[in-house]
Protein backbone atom coordinates (compact mmCIF):
# COMPACT_ATOMS: atom_id res chain seq x y z
CA UNK A 1 10.40 -1.37 11.64
CA UNK A 2 9.73 -4.08 14.45
CA UNK A 3 13.62 -5.56 13.81
CA UNK A 4 14.50 -1.81 15.02
CA UNK A 5 11.88 -1.42 17.69
CA UNK A 6 13.16 -4.89 18.93
CA UNK A 7 16.62 -4.16 18.93
CA UNK A 8 16.13 -0.91 20.89
CA UNK A 9 14.16 -2.44 23.37
CA UNK A 10 16.56 -5.24 23.96
CA UNK A 11 19.51 -2.34 23.93
CA UNK A 12 17.78 -0.24 26.60
CA UNK A 13 17.11 -3.32 29.02
CA UNK A 14 20.42 -4.71 28.65
CA UNK A 15 19.53 -8.00 26.44
CA UNK A 16 22.63 -8.85 24.21
CA UNK A 17 23.27 -11.28 21.59
CA UNK A 18 19.60 -10.94 20.10
CA UNK A 19 18.60 -12.94 17.09
CA UNK A 20 15.80 -12.39 14.76
CA UNK A 21 13.64 -15.25 13.46
CA UNK A 22 11.44 -13.66 10.64
CA UNK A 23 8.62 -15.40 8.51
CA UNK A 24 8.00 -12.40 5.83
CA UNK A 25 5.47 -13.94 3.43
CA UNK A 26 3.65 -16.57 5.77
CA UNK A 27 0.58 -16.75 7.52
CA UNK A 28 0.83 -16.02 10.98
CA UNK A 29 -1.83 -18.60 11.20
CA UNK A 30 0.71 -21.36 10.36
CA UNK A 31 3.21 -22.63 12.93
CA UNK A 32 5.18 -24.54 10.18
CA UNK A 33 6.82 -21.04 9.62
CA UNK A 34 10.54 -21.77 8.91
CA UNK A 35 11.61 -18.98 10.86
CA UNK A 36 9.71 -20.13 13.68
CA UNK A 37 10.97 -23.65 13.28
CA UNK A 38 14.39 -22.32 13.91
CA UNK A 39 13.55 -20.33 16.74
CA UNK A 40 12.22 -23.57 18.52
CA UNK A 41 15.24 -25.64 17.28
CA UNK A 42 17.54 -22.89 18.45
CA UNK A 43 15.63 -22.82 21.95
CA UNK A 44 15.97 -26.72 21.95
CA UNK A 45 19.43 -26.50 21.97
CA UNK A 46 19.25 -24.26 25.26
CA UNK A 47 20.69 -21.50 23.29
CA UNK A 48 18.67 -18.89 24.81
CA UNK A 49 16.00 -18.79 27.31
CA UNK A 50 14.22 -15.42 26.64
CA UNK A 51 11.89 -14.89 23.43
CA UNK A 52 10.38 -11.34 22.82
CA UNK A 53 7.79 -10.09 20.15
CA UNK A 54 6.38 -6.77 19.87
CA UNK A 55 2.86 -8.22 20.44
CA UNK A 56 1.27 -11.76 20.61
CA UNK A 57 0.27 -11.67 17.11
CA UNK A 58 4.15 -11.77 16.04
CA UNK A 59 4.02 -15.76 17.85
CA UNK A 60 1.12 -16.61 15.49
CA UNK A 61 -2.35 -16.26 14.86
CA UNK A 62 -3.97 -19.37 15.35
CA UNK A 63 -5.34 -19.38 18.85
CA UNK A 64 -4.56 -22.50 19.88
CA UNK A 65 -1.22 -22.72 18.62
CA UNK A 66 -0.28 -19.85 20.15
CA UNK A 67 -1.63 -20.01 23.43
CA UNK A 68 0.07 -23.53 23.78
CA UNK A 69 3.62 -22.05 23.13
CA UNK A 70 2.87 -19.09 25.24
CA UNK A 71 1.16 -20.54 28.15
CA UNK A 72 2.71 -23.95 27.96
CA UNK A 73 5.91 -24.64 26.07
CA UNK A 74 7.68 -21.84 26.86
CA UNK A 75 7.03 -21.88 30.75
CA UNK A 76 7.50 -25.75 30.65
CA UNK A 77 11.05 -25.34 29.03
CA UNK A 78 11.96 -22.44 31.48
CA UNK A 79 11.92 -19.94 28.50
CA UNK A 80 10.85 -16.26 29.58
CA UNK A 81 8.19 -15.42 26.81
CA UNK A 82 7.05 -11.41 26.62
CA UNK A 83 5.93 -9.24 24.52
CA UNK A 84 6.30 -5.15 24.45
CA UNK A 85 3.26 -3.56 23.56
CA UNK A 86 0.42 -5.78 24.47
CA UNK A 87 1.77 -6.56 28.09
CA UNK A 88 2.05 -10.46 27.92
CA UNK A 89 4.33 -11.64 30.01
CA UNK A 90 5.00 -15.18 30.89
CA UNK A 91 6.61 -14.29 34.62
CA UNK A 92 3.42 -12.95 35.80
CA UNK A 93 -0.56 -13.87 35.29
CA UNK A 94 -2.14 -12.87 31.83
CA UNK A 95 -5.82 -12.91 32.48
CA UNK A 96 -6.60 -11.11 29.28
CA UNK A 97 -4.49 -13.71 27.02
CA UNK A 98 -7.34 -15.93 26.01
CA UNK A 99 -8.92 -12.71 24.69
CA UNK A 100 -6.08 -11.25 23.02
CA UNK A 101 -5.33 -14.88 21.27
CA UNK A 102 -9.02 -15.12 20.18
CA UNK A 103 -8.89 -11.51 18.67
CA UNK A 104 -5.68 -12.52 16.93
CA UNK A 105 -7.19 -15.04 15.40
CA UNK A 106 -10.38 -13.41 14.52
CA UNK A 107 -8.00 -10.59 13.21
CA UNK A 108 -6.49 -13.21 10.77
CA UNK A 109 -9.82 -14.53 9.70
CA UNK A 110 -11.30 -11.19 9.29
CA UNK A 111 -8.48 -10.17 6.88
CA UNK A 112 -8.61 -13.33 4.92
CA UNK A 113 -12.20 -12.92 4.26
CA UNK A 114 -11.83 -9.51 2.90
CA UNK A 115 -9.37 -10.25 0.70
CA UNK A 116 -11.09 -13.02 -0.73
CA UNK A 117 -14.00 -10.52 -1.33
CA UNK A 118 -11.79 -8.28 -2.84
CA UNK A 119 -10.25 -10.46 -4.95
CA UNK A 120 -13.62 -11.90 -6.09
CA UNK A 121 -15.18 -8.72 -6.99
CA UNK A 122 -12.02 -7.87 -9.22
CA UNK A 123 -12.57 -11.06 -11.10
CA UNK A 124 -15.89 -10.65 -11.60
CA UNK A 125 -15.05 -7.04 -12.91
CA UNK A 126 -12.83 -8.82 -15.37
CA UNK A 127 -9.61 -7.98 -13.69
CA UNK A 128 -6.79 -10.49 -13.55
CA UNK A 129 -5.53 -10.96 -9.88
CA UNK A 130 -3.06 -13.86 -10.29
CA UNK A 131 0.30 -14.31 -11.90
CA UNK A 132 -0.01 -14.55 -15.71
CA UNK A 133 0.30 -18.09 -17.46
CA UNK A 134 3.26 -18.77 -19.45
CA UNK A 135 2.93 -17.14 -22.63
CA UNK A 136 1.31 -13.90 -21.37
CA UNK A 137 2.48 -10.97 -19.10
CA UNK A 138 0.47 -8.13 -17.26
CA UNK A 139 -0.30 -5.10 -19.24
CA UNK A 140 2.22 -2.25 -18.04
CA UNK A 141 -0.72 0.24 -18.41
CA UNK A 142 -3.45 -1.80 -16.65
CA UNK A 143 -1.99 -4.65 -14.21
CA UNK A 144 -5.49 -6.44 -13.94
CA UNK A 145 -5.14 -7.51 -17.77
CA UNK A 146 -2.95 -9.75 -19.54
CA UNK A 147 -1.47 -9.41 -23.02
CA UNK A 148 0.56 -11.45 -25.10
CA UNK A 149 4.59 -12.22 -23.53
CA UNK A 150 6.62 -11.21 -27.04
CA UNK A 151 9.14 -13.73 -25.63
CA UNK A 152 6.78 -16.40 -24.37
CA UNK A 153 3.96 -16.54 -26.68
CA UNK A 154 5.62 -18.01 -29.70
CA UNK A 155 6.80 -20.95 -27.37
CA UNK A 156 3.25 -21.42 -26.51
CA UNK A 157 2.22 -21.27 -30.12
CA UNK A 158 4.97 -23.85 -31.02
CA UNK A 159 3.87 -25.98 -28.36
CA UNK A 160 0.16 -26.28 -29.62
CA UNK A 161 1.53 -26.82 -33.16
CA UNK A 162 3.64 -29.50 -32.20
CA UNK A 163 0.95 -30.95 -29.94
CA UNK A 164 -1.93 -30.64 -33.05
CA UNK A 165 0.51 -32.49 -35.05
CA UNK A 166 0.22 -35.53 -32.74
CA UNK A 167 3.75 -34.71 -30.90
CA UNK A 168 3.95 -36.36 -27.34
CA UNK A 169 4.51 -34.27 -24.56
CA UNK A 170 7.94 -35.98 -23.90
CA UNK A 171 8.93 -35.11 -27.30
CA UNK A 172 7.99 -31.60 -27.09
CA UNK A 173 9.51 -31.19 -23.96
CA UNK A 174 12.94 -32.69 -25.25
CA UNK A 175 12.77 -30.37 -28.35
CA UNK A 176 11.90 -27.40 -26.36
CA UNK A 177 15.13 -28.23 -23.96
CA UNK A 178 17.56 -28.97 -26.93
CA UNK A 179 16.77 -25.53 -28.27
CA UNK A 180 17.36 -23.57 -25.05
CA UNK A 181 13.88 -22.77 -23.76
CA UNK A 182 13.96 -21.74 -20.52
CA UNK A 183 11.10 -23.64 -18.61
CA UNK A 184 7.98 -21.44 -17.04
CA UNK A 185 9.12 -21.85 -13.52
CA UNK A 186 12.76 -20.74 -14.14
CA UNK A 187 11.64 -17.85 -16.95
CA UNK A 188 9.22 -16.41 -14.31
């Protein structure tokens, strides 16, 4: 939705050769995001002089970092940065920007706190809330419950039996590899 919104805005306002830098799955509190790093590299090469985001939170939710890029880095490098929905624009004074940056960070922290509380409550009520360990899978009838994985559970039993008989980890791994057993990360 954000991409479509930005493309529509760009088309209506005469911006061409637009590129999107996205960081799906990364926290806005992290400025080591791959898409953000690619954007900075693109800007360092003087390949663009304008950055547009839907709002300030899309730049990032770390108050200090977002403020640095929006109010210092971009202007010092001749890059016009503005947002569509909350009115930030490096071409003019942004009196409320400090409050916007602070609220974006508060929103990030509050969301994180809420997620932690939900996960804590689920765990306390016996619900499983993570990726299943090797040898198990989530129950299709109740995703908060684990059941043995019919493919990998026998491998786990084989590993335990070999370890109980005194085989080293290396020997067990070599035998599993020789037998064509897919390692846990690849299996997942």
